[in-house]
């Protein structure tokens, strides 16, 4: 796993995501989720590619229920792109790296 991917919980979600000066792609995931594991390498690569321009953050829904409930996470993986503290785009389910890169590019 890339050290550029931040793991964030309920306690530090606001500071890491909502108050970020960069766009933030948040991956709501869980250990037991197969599709979540499938997209993890793509997220690692995107974190490297967009370092300094955008952030990739992972939130484990099993350990951070408040954040998951706040953003109505009902199925995972669910990816939300935040910019200036607001959700700009939503992607539910596993998708390819190119599609995720497009989401980030639109926010830059």
Protein backbone atom coordinates (compact mmCIF):
# COMPACT_ATOMS: atom_id res chain seq x y z
CA UNK A 1 0.00 0.00 0.00
CA UNK A 2 1.22 3.49 -0.83
CA UNK A 3 2.26 5.69 2.06
CA UNK A 4 0.60 8.54 0.14
CA UNK A 5 -2.86 7.06 0.84
CA UNK A 6 -4.11 8.44 4.17
CA UNK A 7 -6.26 6.37 6.51
CA UNK A 8 -8.78 8.66 8.16
CA UNK A 9 -11.35 8.05 10.88
CA UNK A 10 -14.37 9.86 12.28
CA UNK A 11 -12.16 11.93 14.60
CA UNK A 12 -9.92 13.40 11.90
CA UNK A 13 -12.29 13.33 8.88
CA UNK A 14 -13.12 17.05 8.98
CA UNK A 15 -9.49 18.13 9.24
CA UNK A 16 -8.18 15.69 6.61
CA UNK A 17 -11.02 15.97 4.09
CA UNK A 18 -13.35 18.93 4.58
CA UNK A 19 -10.62 21.45 5.46
CA UNK A 20 -8.16 20.26 2.78
CA UNK A 21 -6.92 22.87 0.32
CA UNK A 22 -6.62 20.09 -2.30
CA UNK A 23 -9.41 17.95 -3.76
CA UNK A 24 -9.78 14.71 -1.76
CA UNK A 25 -10.97 11.37 -3.12
CA UNK A 26 -12.41 9.41 -0.20
CA UNK A 27 -12.71 5.62 -0.48
CA UNK A 28 -15.28 4.18 1.95
CA UNK A 29 -14.23 0.54 2.26
CA UNK A 30 -14.03 -2.51 4.56
CA UNK A 31 -11.58 -5.38 5.08
CA UNK A 32 -14.11 -8.01 3.95
CA UNK A 33 -15.05 -6.19 0.70
CA UNK A 34 -13.66 -7.92 -2.41
CA UNK A 35 -14.26 -5.03 -4.85
CA UNK A 36 -12.61 -2.66 -2.33
CA UNK A 37 -9.47 -4.80 -2.47
CA UNK A 38 -9.64 -4.82 -6.28
CA UNK A 39 -9.47 -1.01 -6.57
CA UNK A 40 -6.83 -0.53 -3.83
CA UNK A 41 -3.84 -0.79 -6.24
CA UNK A 42 -5.42 1.83 -8.54
CA UNK A 43 -5.92 4.17 -5.57
CA UNK A 44 -2.28 3.66 -4.56
CA UNK A 45 -1.15 4.60 -8.07
CA UNK A 46 -3.43 7.64 -8.16
CA UNK A 47 -2.06 8.80 -4.80
CA UNK A 48 1.43 8.73 -6.32
CA UNK A 49 0.33 10.41 -9.56
CA UNK A 50 -1.59 13.24 -7.89
CA UNK A 51 0.75 13.82 -4.94
CA UNK A 52 0.79 17.54 -4.20
CA UNK A 53 -2.36 18.15 -6.30
CA UNK A 54 -5.01 15.93 -4.73
CA UNK A 55 -5.29 13.48 -1.83
CA UNK A 56 -6.51 9.91 -1.67
CA UNK A 57 -8.08 8.99 1.68
CA UNK A 58 -9.52 5.69 2.91
CA UNK A 59 -12.25 5.40 5.56
CA UNK A 60 -12.95 1.95 7.01
CA UNK A 61 -16.75 1.87 7.39
CA UNK A 62 -16.63 -0.84 10.06
CA UNK A 63 -14.56 1.37 12.36
CA UNK A 64 -15.94 4.79 11.38
CA UNK A 65 -19.71 4.48 11.27
CA UNK A 66 -20.40 8.19 11.90
CA UNK A 67 -18.64 9.27 8.68
CA UNK A 68 -20.27 6.45 6.73
CA UNK A 69 -23.72 7.41 8.01
CA UNK A 70 -23.17 11.13 7.41
CA UNK A 71 -22.51 10.48 3.72
CA UNK A 72 -25.19 7.78 3.34
CA UNK A 73 -22.76 4.99 2.50
CA UNK A 74 -24.99 1.98 1.82
CA UNK A 75 -22.75 -0.07 -0.43
CA UNK A 76 -19.00 -0.20 -0.78
CA UNK A 77 -16.69 0.66 -2.29
CA UNK A 78 -18.15 4.15 -2.42
CA UNK A 79 -15.87 6.93 -3.53
CA UNK A 80 -16.68 10.58 -2.89
CA UNK A 81 -14.66 13.43 -4.33
CA UNK A 82 -14.55 16.46 -2.06
CA UNK A 83 -13.43 19.95 -3.03
CA UNK A 84 -13.68 22.93 -0.68
CA UNK A 85 -15.54 20.76 1.83
CA UNK A 86 -18.30 19.78 -0.61
CA UNK A 87 -19.00 16.51 -2.43
CA UNK A 88 -18.28 17.10 -6.12
CA UNK A 89 -18.69 13.55 -7.46
CA UNK A 90 -19.79 10.10 -6.32
CA UNK A 91 -18.81 6.67 -7.61
CA UNK A 92 -20.37 3.51 -6.20
CA UNK A 93 -18.74 0.19 -6.97
CA UNK A 94 -15.35 -0.79 -8.32
CA UNK A 95 -14.19 1.12 -11.38
CA UNK A 96 -10.92 1.45 -13.23
CA UNK A 97 -8.09 3.82 -12.55
CA UNK A 98 -8.89 5.92 -15.64
CA UNK A 99 -12.43 6.62 -14.43
CA UNK A 100 -11.18 7.65 -10.99
CA UNK A 101 -8.51 9.86 -12.58
CA UNK A 102 -11.26 11.59 -14.58
CA UNK A 103 -13.13 12.36 -11.35
CA UNK A 104 -10.01 13.93 -9.85
CA UNK A 105 -9.12 15.82 -13.04
CA UNK A 106 -12.54 17.49 -13.12
CA UNK A 107 -11.93 18.89 -9.64
CA UNK A 108 -8.44 20.23 -10.37
